[in-house]
């Protein structure tokens, strides 16, 4: 797997998890404040689309995961 694949998988998991924890109709609802985490992940994805830089991708490269295009 390449860094961009890992970033997208983790972002997708974070969004789904935070939605499950933040939507009152969910069986695993905890608090609506989890929706702020969803917004944070979305804002970071938007930022990386404009700047072509992602902190998580940088950290994954330092861990030895090969960069991808």
PDB file of N, CA and C in Angstrom:
ATOM      1  N   UNK A   1       0.834  -1.182   0.000  1.00  0.00           N
ATOM      2  CA  UNK A   1       0.000   0.000   0.000  1.00  0.00           C
ATOM      3  C   UNK A   1       0.876   1.241   0.000  1.00  0.00           C
ATOM      4  N   UNK A   2       0.358   2.276  -0.601  1.00  0.00           N
ATOM      5  CA  UNK A   2       1.097   3.536  -0.637  1.00  0.00           C
ATOM      6  C   UNK A   2       0.483   4.520   0.362  1.00  0.00           C
ATOM      7  N   UNK A   3       1.204   5.609   0.600  1.00  0.00           N
ATOM      8  CA  UNK A   3       0.762   6.580   1.598  1.00  0.00           C
ATOM      9  C   UNK A   3      -0.602   7.166   1.254  1.00  0.00           C
ATOM     10  N   UNK A   4      -0.844   7.483   0.010  1.00  0.00           N
ATOM     11  CA  UNK A   4      -2.132   8.098  -0.336  1.00  0.00           C
ATOM     12  C   UNK A   4      -3.282   7.132  -0.121  1.00  0.00           C
ATOM     13  N   UNK A   5      -3.045   5.838  -0.314  1.00  0.00           N
ATOM     14  CA  UNK A   5      -4.094   4.856  -0.069  1.00  0.00           C
ATOM     15  C   UNK A   5      -4.398   4.757   1.427  1.00  0.00           C
ATOM     16  N   UNK A   6      -3.351   4.737   2.246  1.00  0.00           N
ATOM     17  CA  UNK A   6      -3.530   4.649   3.700  1.00  0.00           C
ATOM     18  C   UNK A   6      -4.253   5.893   4.219  1.00  0.00           C
ATOM     19  N   UNK A   7      -3.863   7.071   3.724  1.00  0.00           N
ATOM     20  CA  UNK A   7      -4.506   8.313   4.160  1.00  0.00           C
ATOM     21  C   UNK A   7      -5.999   8.274   3.864  1.00  0.00           C
ATOM     22  N   UNK A   8      -6.365   7.845   2.679  1.00  0.00           N
ATOM     23  CA  UNK A   8      -7.783   7.822   2.310  1.00  0.00           C
ATOM     24  C   UNK A   8      -8.565   6.770   3.094  1.00  0.00           C
ATOM     25  N   UNK A   9      -7.951   5.632   3.351  1.00  0.00           N
ATOM     26  CA  UNK A   9      -8.608   4.593   4.153  1.00  0.00           C
ATOM     27  C   UNK A   9      -8.831   5.088   5.581  1.00  0.00           C
ATOM     28  N   UNK A  10      -7.805   5.677   6.181  1.00  0.00           N
ATOM     29  CA  UNK A  10      -7.919   6.171   7.554  1.00  0.00           C
ATOM     30  C   UNK A  10      -8.933   7.314   7.625  1.00  0.00           C
ATOM     31  N   UNK A  11      -8.906   8.231   6.652  1.00  0.00           N
ATOM     32  CA  UNK A  11      -9.870   9.335   6.644  1.00  0.00           C
ATOM     33  C   UNK A  11     -11.296   8.795   6.543  1.00  0.00           C
ATOM     34  N   UNK A  12     -11.508   7.825   5.676  1.00  0.00           N
ATOM     35  CA  UNK A  12     -12.834   7.231   5.541  1.00  0.00           C
ATOM     36  C   UNK A  12     -13.289   6.554   6.823  1.00  0.00           C
ATOM     37  N   UNK A  13     -12.385   5.824   7.464  1.00  0.00           N
ATOM     38  CA  UNK A  13     -12.722   5.173   8.734  1.00  0.00           C
ATOM     39  C   UNK A  13     -13.042   6.197   9.823  1.00  0.00           C
ATOM     40  N   UNK A  14     -12.238   7.269   9.899  1.00  0.00           N
ATOM     41  CA  UNK A  14     -12.482   8.316  10.892  1.00  0.00           C
ATOM     42  C   UNK A  14     -13.840   8.968  10.677  1.00  0.00           C
ATOM     43  N   UNK A  15     -14.179   9.244   9.427  1.00  0.00           N
ATOM     44  CA  UNK A  15     -15.462   9.884   9.134  1.00  0.00           C
ATOM     45  C   UNK A  15     -16.618   8.964   9.507  1.00  0.00           C
ATOM     46  N   UNK A  16     -16.554   7.708   9.100  1.00  0.00           N
ATOM     47  CA  UNK A  16     -17.633   6.780   9.423  1.00  0.00           C
ATOM     48  C   UNK A  16     -17.765   6.567  10.926  1.00  0.00           C
ATOM     49  N   UNK A  17     -16.641   6.429  11.619  1.00  0.00           N
ATOM     50  CA  UNK A  17     -16.661   6.234  13.068  1.00  0.00           C
ATOM     51  C   UNK A  17     -17.236   7.452  13.780  1.00  0.00           C
ATOM     52  N   UNK A  18     -16.782   8.649  13.392  1.00  0.00           N
ATOM     53  CA  UNK A  18     -17.268   9.852  14.065  1.00  0.00           C
ATOM     54  C   UNK A  18     -18.740  10.107  13.758  1.00  0.00           C
ATOM     55  N   UNK A  19     -19.205   9.749  12.574  1.00  0.00           N
ATOM     56  CA  UNK A  19     -20.634   9.860  12.279  1.00  0.00           C
ATOM     57  C   UNK A  19     -21.433   8.878  13.130  1.00  0.00           C
ATOM     58  N   UNK A  20     -20.936   7.657  13.262  1.00  0.00           N
ATOM     59  CA  UNK A  20     -21.632   6.664  14.081  1.00  0.00           C
ATOM     60  C   UNK A  20     -21.718   7.118  15.536  1.00  0.00           C
ATOM     61  N   UNK A  21     -20.677   7.762  16.032  1.00  0.00           N
ATOM     62  CA  UNK A  21     -20.663   8.215  17.420  1.00  0.00           C
ATOM     63  C   UNK A  21     -21.406   9.528  17.622  1.00  0.00           C
ATOM     64  N   UNK A  22     -21.644  10.287  16.531  1.00  0.00           N
ATOM     65  CA  UNK A  22     -22.208  11.623  16.671  1.00  0.00           C
ATOM     66  C   UNK A  22     -23.650  11.788  16.247  1.00  0.00           C
ATOM     67  N   UNK A  23     -24.221  10.820  15.561  1.00  0.00           N
ATOM     68  CA  UNK A  23     -25.608  10.941  15.107  1.00  0.00           C
ATOM     69  C   UNK A  23     -26.522  10.258  16.123  1.00  0.00           C
ATOM     70  N   UNK A  24     -27.491  11.006  16.662  1.00  0.00           N
ATOM     71  CA  UNK A  24     -28.351  10.457  17.719  1.00  0.00           C
ATOM     72  C   UNK A  24     -29.092   9.173  17.350  1.00  0.00           C
ATOM     73  N   UNK A  25     -29.389   8.949  16.091  1.00  0.00           N
ATOM     74  CA  UNK A  25     -30.116   7.742  15.688  1.00  0.00           C
ATOM     75  C   UNK A  25     -29.229   6.501  15.656  1.00  0.00           C
ATOM     76  N   UNK A  26     -27.929   6.687  15.806  1.00  0.00           N
ATOM     77  CA  UNK A  26     -26.992   5.564  15.751  1.00  0.00           C
ATOM     78  C   UNK A  26     -27.065   4.729  17.026  1.00  0.00           C
ATOM     79  N   UNK A  27     -26.938   3.413  16.894  1.00  0.00           N
ATOM     80  CA  UNK A  27     -26.958   2.567  18.106  1.00  0.00           C
ATOM     81  C   UNK A  27     -25.723   2.752  18.995  1.00  0.00           C
ATOM     82  N   UNK A  28     -24.666   3.336  18.469  1.00  0.00           N
ATOM     83  CA  UNK A  28     -23.453   3.562  19.275  1.00  0.00           C
ATOM     84  C   UNK A  28     -23.254   5.049  19.579  1.00  0.00           C
ATOM     85  N   UNK A  29     -24.339   5.818  19.513  1.00  0.00           N
ATOM     86  CA  UNK A  29     -24.272   7.268  19.767  1.00  0.00           C
ATOM     87  C   UNK A  29     -23.623   7.556  21.116  1.00  0.00           C
ATOM     88  N   UNK A  30     -22.732   8.549  21.103  1.00  0.00           N
ATOM     89  CA  UNK A  30     -22.075   8.965  22.341  1.00  0.00           C
ATOM     90  C   UNK A  30     -22.330  10.440  22.619  1.00  0.00           C
ATOM     91  N   UNK A  31     -22.000  11.295  21.640  1.00  0.00           N
ATOM     92  CA  UNK A  31     -22.174  12.735  21.799  1.00  0.00           C
ATOM     93  C   UNK A  31     -22.174  13.383  20.420  1.00  0.00           C
ATOM     94  N   UNK A  32     -22.967  14.446  20.281  1.00  0.00           N
ATOM     95  CA  UNK A  32     -22.983  15.144  18.996  1.00  0.00           C
ATOM     96  C   UNK A  32     -21.670  15.876  18.720  1.00  0.00           C
ATOM     97  N   UNK A  33     -20.833  16.019  19.724  1.00  0.00           N
ATOM     98  CA  UNK A  33     -19.541  16.666  19.529  1.00  0.00           C
ATOM     99  C   UNK A  33     -18.626  15.856  18.608  1.00  0.00           C
ATOM    100  N   UNK A  34     -18.921  14.576  18.415  1.00  0.00           N
ATOM    101  CA  UNK A  34     -18.134  13.774  17.478  1.00  0.00           C
ATOM    102  C   UNK A  34     -18.272  14.301  16.054  1.00  0.00           C
ATOM    103  N   UNK A  35     -19.342  15.015  15.771  1.00  0.00           N
ATOM    104  CA  UNK A  35     -19.514  15.583  14.430  1.00  0.00           C
ATOM    105  C   UNK A  35     -18.465  16.658  14.144  1.00  0.00           C
ATOM    106  N   UNK A  36     -17.915  17.271  15.190  1.00  0.00           N
ATOM    107  CA  UNK A  36     -16.825  18.234  15.007  1.00  0.00           C
ATOM    108  C   UNK A  36     -15.587  17.520  14.461  1.00  0.00           C
ATOM    109  N   UNK A  37     -15.376  16.289  14.882  1.00  0.00           N
ATOM    110  CA  UNK A  37     -14.247  15.508  14.361  1.00  0.00           C
ATOM    111  C   UNK A  37     -14.449  15.203  12.877  1.00  0.00           C
ATOM    112  N   UNK A  38     -15.698  14.927  12.491  1.00  0.00           N
ATOM    113  CA  UNK A  38     -16.012  14.713  11.085  1.00  0.00           C
ATOM    114  C   UNK A  38     -15.650  15.955  10.279  1.00  0.00           C
ATOM    115  N   UNK A  39     -16.023  17.129  10.785  1.00  0.00           N
ATOM    116  CA  UNK A  39     -15.708  18.387  10.110  1.00  0.00           C
ATOM    117  C   UNK A  39     -14.194  18.609  10.039  1.00  0.00           C
ATOM    118  N   UNK A  40     -13.479  18.254  11.091  1.00  0.00           N
ATOM    119  CA  UNK A  40     -12.016  18.400  11.111  1.00  0.00           C
ATOM    120  C   UNK A  40     -11.365  17.550  10.021  1.00  0.00           C
ATOM    121  N   UNK A  41     -11.787  16.301   9.906  1.00  0.00           N
ATOM    122  CA  UNK A  41     -11.236  15.413   8.871  1.00  0.00           C
ATOM    123  C   UNK A  41     -11.554  15.965   7.487  1.00  0.00           C
ATOM    124  N   UNK A  42     -12.791  16.403   7.288  1.00  0.00           N
ATOM    125  CA  UNK A  42     -13.175  16.976   5.998  1.00  0.00           C
ATOM    126  C   UNK A  42     -12.379  18.223   5.657  1.00  0.00           C
ATOM    127  N   UNK A  43     -12.154  19.092   6.641  1.00  0.00           N
ATOM    128  CA  UNK A  43     -11.369  20.306   6.414  1.00  0.00           C
ATOM    129  C   UNK A  43      -9.926  19.966   6.048  1.00  0.00           C
ATOM    130  N   UNK A  44      -9.374  18.945   6.684  1.00  0.00           N
ATOM    131  CA  UNK A  44      -8.008  18.538   6.351  1.00  0.00           C
ATOM    132  C   UNK A  44      -7.923  17.961   4.947  1.00  0.00           C
ATOM    133  N   UNK A  45      -8.930  17.192   4.537  1.00  0.00           N
ATOM    134  CA  UNK A  45      -8.949  16.671   3.170  1.00  0.00           C
ATOM    135  C   UNK A  45      -9.059  17.811   2.165  1.00  0.00           C
ATOM    136  N   UNK A  46      -9.893  18.794   2.461  1.00  0.00           N
ATOM    137  CA  UNK A  46     -10.041  19.956   1.587  1.00  0.00           C
ATOM    138  C   UNK A  46      -8.724  20.727   1.488  1.00  0.00           C
ATOM    139  N   UNK A  47      -8.099  20.964   2.626  1.00  0.00           N
ATOM    140  CA  UNK A  47      -6.810  21.668   2.659  1.00  0.00           C
ATOM    141  C   UNK A  47      -5.763  20.935   1.849  1.00  0.00           C
ATOM    142  N   UNK A  48      -5.695  19.617   1.984  1.00  0.00           N
ATOM    143  CA  UNK A  48      -4.664  18.867   1.260  1.00  0.00           C
ATOM    144  C   UNK A  48      -4.933  18.866  -0.242  1.00  0.00           C
ATOM    145  N   UNK A  49      -6.198  18.991  -0.631  1.00  0.00           N
ATOM    146  CA  UNK A  49      -6.521  19.081  -2.049  1.00  0.00           C
ATOM    147  C   UNK A  49      -6.013  20.371  -2.675  1.00  0.00           C
ATOM    148  N   UNK A  50      -6.054  21.464  -1.900  1.00  0.00           N
ATOM    149  CA  UNK A  50      -5.586  22.750  -2.415  1.00  0.00           C
ATOM    150  C   UNK A  50      -4.080  22.913  -2.312  1.00  0.00           C
ATOM    151  N   UNK A  51      -3.480  22.406  -1.237  1.00  0.00           N
ATOM    152  CA  UNK A  51      -2.055  22.644  -1.004  1.00  0.00           C
ATOM    153  C   UNK A  51      -1.169  21.499  -1.468  1.00  0.00           C
ATOM    154  N   UNK A  52      -1.779  20.338  -1.744  1.00  0.00           N
ATOM    155  CA  UNK A  52      -1.027  19.141  -2.139  1.00  0.00           C
ATOM    156  C   UNK A  52      -0.060  18.700  -1.037  1.00  0.00           C
ATOM    157  N   UNK A  53      -0.433  18.953   0.229  1.00  0.00           N
ATOM    158  CA  UNK A  53       0.364  18.534   1.375  1.00  0.00           C
ATOM    159  C   UNK A  53      -0.563  17.993   2.457  1.00  0.00           C
ATOM    160  N   UNK A  54      -0.163  16.874   3.056  1.00  0.00           N
ATOM    161  CA  UNK A  54      -0.949  16.246   4.113  1.00  0.00           C
ATOM    162  C   UNK A  54       0.012  15.786   5.204  1.00  0.00           C
ATOM    163  N   UNK A  55      -0.225  16.225   6.436  1.00  0.00           N
ATOM    164  CA  UNK A  55       0.652  15.875   7.547  1.00  0.00           C
ATOM    165  C   UNK A  55       0.705  14.370   7.763  1.00  0.00           C
ATOM    166  N   UNK A  56      -0.442  13.704   7.669  1.00  0.00           N
ATOM    167  CA  UNK A  56      -0.460  12.257   7.888  1.00  0.00           C
ATOM    168  C   UNK A  56       0.383  11.537   6.840  1.00  0.00           C
ATOM    169  N   UNK A  57       0.331  12.009   5.610  1.00  0.00           N
ATOM    170  CA  UNK A  57       1.134  11.389   4.562  1.00  0.00           C
ATOM    171  C   UNK A  57       2.625  11.568   4.840  1.00  0.00           C
ATOM    172  N   UNK A  58       3.001  12.725   5.349  1.00  0.00           N
ATOM    173  CA  UNK A  58       4.391  12.971   5.727  1.00  0.00           C
ATOM    174  C   UNK A  58       4.826  12.018   6.836  1.00  0.00           C
ATOM    175  N   UNK A  59       3.964  11.824   7.826  1.00  0.00           N
ATOM    176  CA  UNK A  59       4.290  10.919   8.937  1.00  0.00           C
ATOM    177  C   UNK A  59       4.383   9.472   8.453  1.00  0.00           C
ATOM    178  N   UNK A  60       3.500   9.077   7.546  1.00  0.00           N
ATOM    179  CA  UNK A  60       3.547   7.719   7.019  1.00  0.00           C
ATOM    180  C   UNK A  60       4.834   7.460   6.236  1.00  0.00           C
ATOM    181  N   UNK A  61       5.301   8.457   5.504  1.00  0.00           N
ATOM    182  CA  UNK A  61       6.575   8.307   4.782  1.00  0.00           C
ATOM    183  C   UNK A  61       7.722   8.093   5.753  1.00  0.00           C
ATOM    184  N   UNK A  62       7.699   8.822   6.879  1.00  0.00           N
ATOM    185  CA  UNK A  62       8.755   8.664   7.889  1.00  0.00           C
ATOM    186  C   UNK A  62       8.697   7.289   8.544  1.00  0.00           C
ATOM    187  N   UNK A  63       7.519   6.672   8.550  1.00  0.00           N
ATOM    188  CA  UNK A  63       7.373   5.317   9.083  1.00  0.00           C
ATOM    189  C   UNK A  63       7.795   4.256   8.082  1.00  0.00           C
ATOM    190  N   UNK A  64       8.125   4.682   6.862  1.00  0.00           N
ATOM    191  CA  UNK A  64       8.632   3.744   5.876  1.00  0.00           C
ATOM    192  C   UNK A  64       7.628   3.264   4.838  1.00  0.00           C
ATOM    193  N   UNK A  65       6.434   3.817   4.843  1.00  0.00           N
ATOM    194  CA  UNK A  65       5.456   3.431   3.826  1.00  0.00           C
ATOM    195  C   UNK A  65       5.790   4.174   2.546  1.00  0.00           C
ATOM    196  N   UNK A  66       5.793   3.444   1.443  1.00  0.00           N
ATOM    197  CA  UNK A  66       6.236   4.055   0.189  1.00  0.00           C
ATOM    198  C   UNK A  66       5.232   5.091  -0.310  1.00  0.00           C
ATOM    199  N   UNK A  67       5.762   6.199  -0.824  1.00  0.00           N
ATOM    200  CA  UNK A  67       4.875   7.229  -1.373  1.00  0.00           C
ATOM    201  C   UNK A  67       4.197   6.746  -2.645  1.00  0.00           C
ATOM    202  N   UNK A  68       3.032   7.245  -2.887  1.00  0.00           N
ATOM    203  CA  UNK A  68       2.300   6.885  -4.096  1.00  0.00           C
ATOM    204  C   UNK A  68       1.840   8.122  -4.823  1.00  0.00           C
ATOM    205  N   UNK A  69       1.402   7.923  -6.062  1.00  0.00           N
ATOM    206  CA  UNK A  69       0.920   9.079  -6.820  1.00  0.00           C
ATOM    207  C   UNK A  69      -0.503   8.900  -7.234  1.00  0.00           C
TER     208      UNK A  69
END
